[in-house]
């Protein structure tokens, strides 16, 4: 009897795994995550607070229920900030979502180096790279990595994309 129960349990587990795999296509493309803007909220000698506006684009034909996001931002080649959010939202199929996150940096290790690398201290068209993982609540794939490079302007308020 115990062998029969073990076989039945194994069969049920296999069926559940196949069902979970079938809810997420195997050709899932990684969403892109980019900086839409960075706004300086406060600054002093020890720390700086920024509001970072992110846009996540879903290139897939299915909606993705996002349960969280973790990322690292590099500015002008140096590690600038890290962020983690657990705000849940639905990323529409072939659509996008924008949101703000607050990050804090250390002047000596991040912001100071960025200022020293910019032309005359101007924070316009600064090269950045953002990398991380988007956590989704669908299928077997639970964390989808992303990486994006671009430029961002600290001097203009972030534009919202319609």
Foldseek 3Di string as FASTA:
>chain_A
DVVVVVVVVVVVVVVVQVVLQVFDDPPADFKAKDWLAKEWDDDDQFKTKIKTKMKTFGAAQAKWWWQKWWKWKAWLRATAWIDIDRDIDIHGHRHMDMDIDMTMGTCVRHVVVNQVPDDVSAQAFIKMKMWTWTATDGGDDGTGIYMDIGTYHHVDPGDDDD
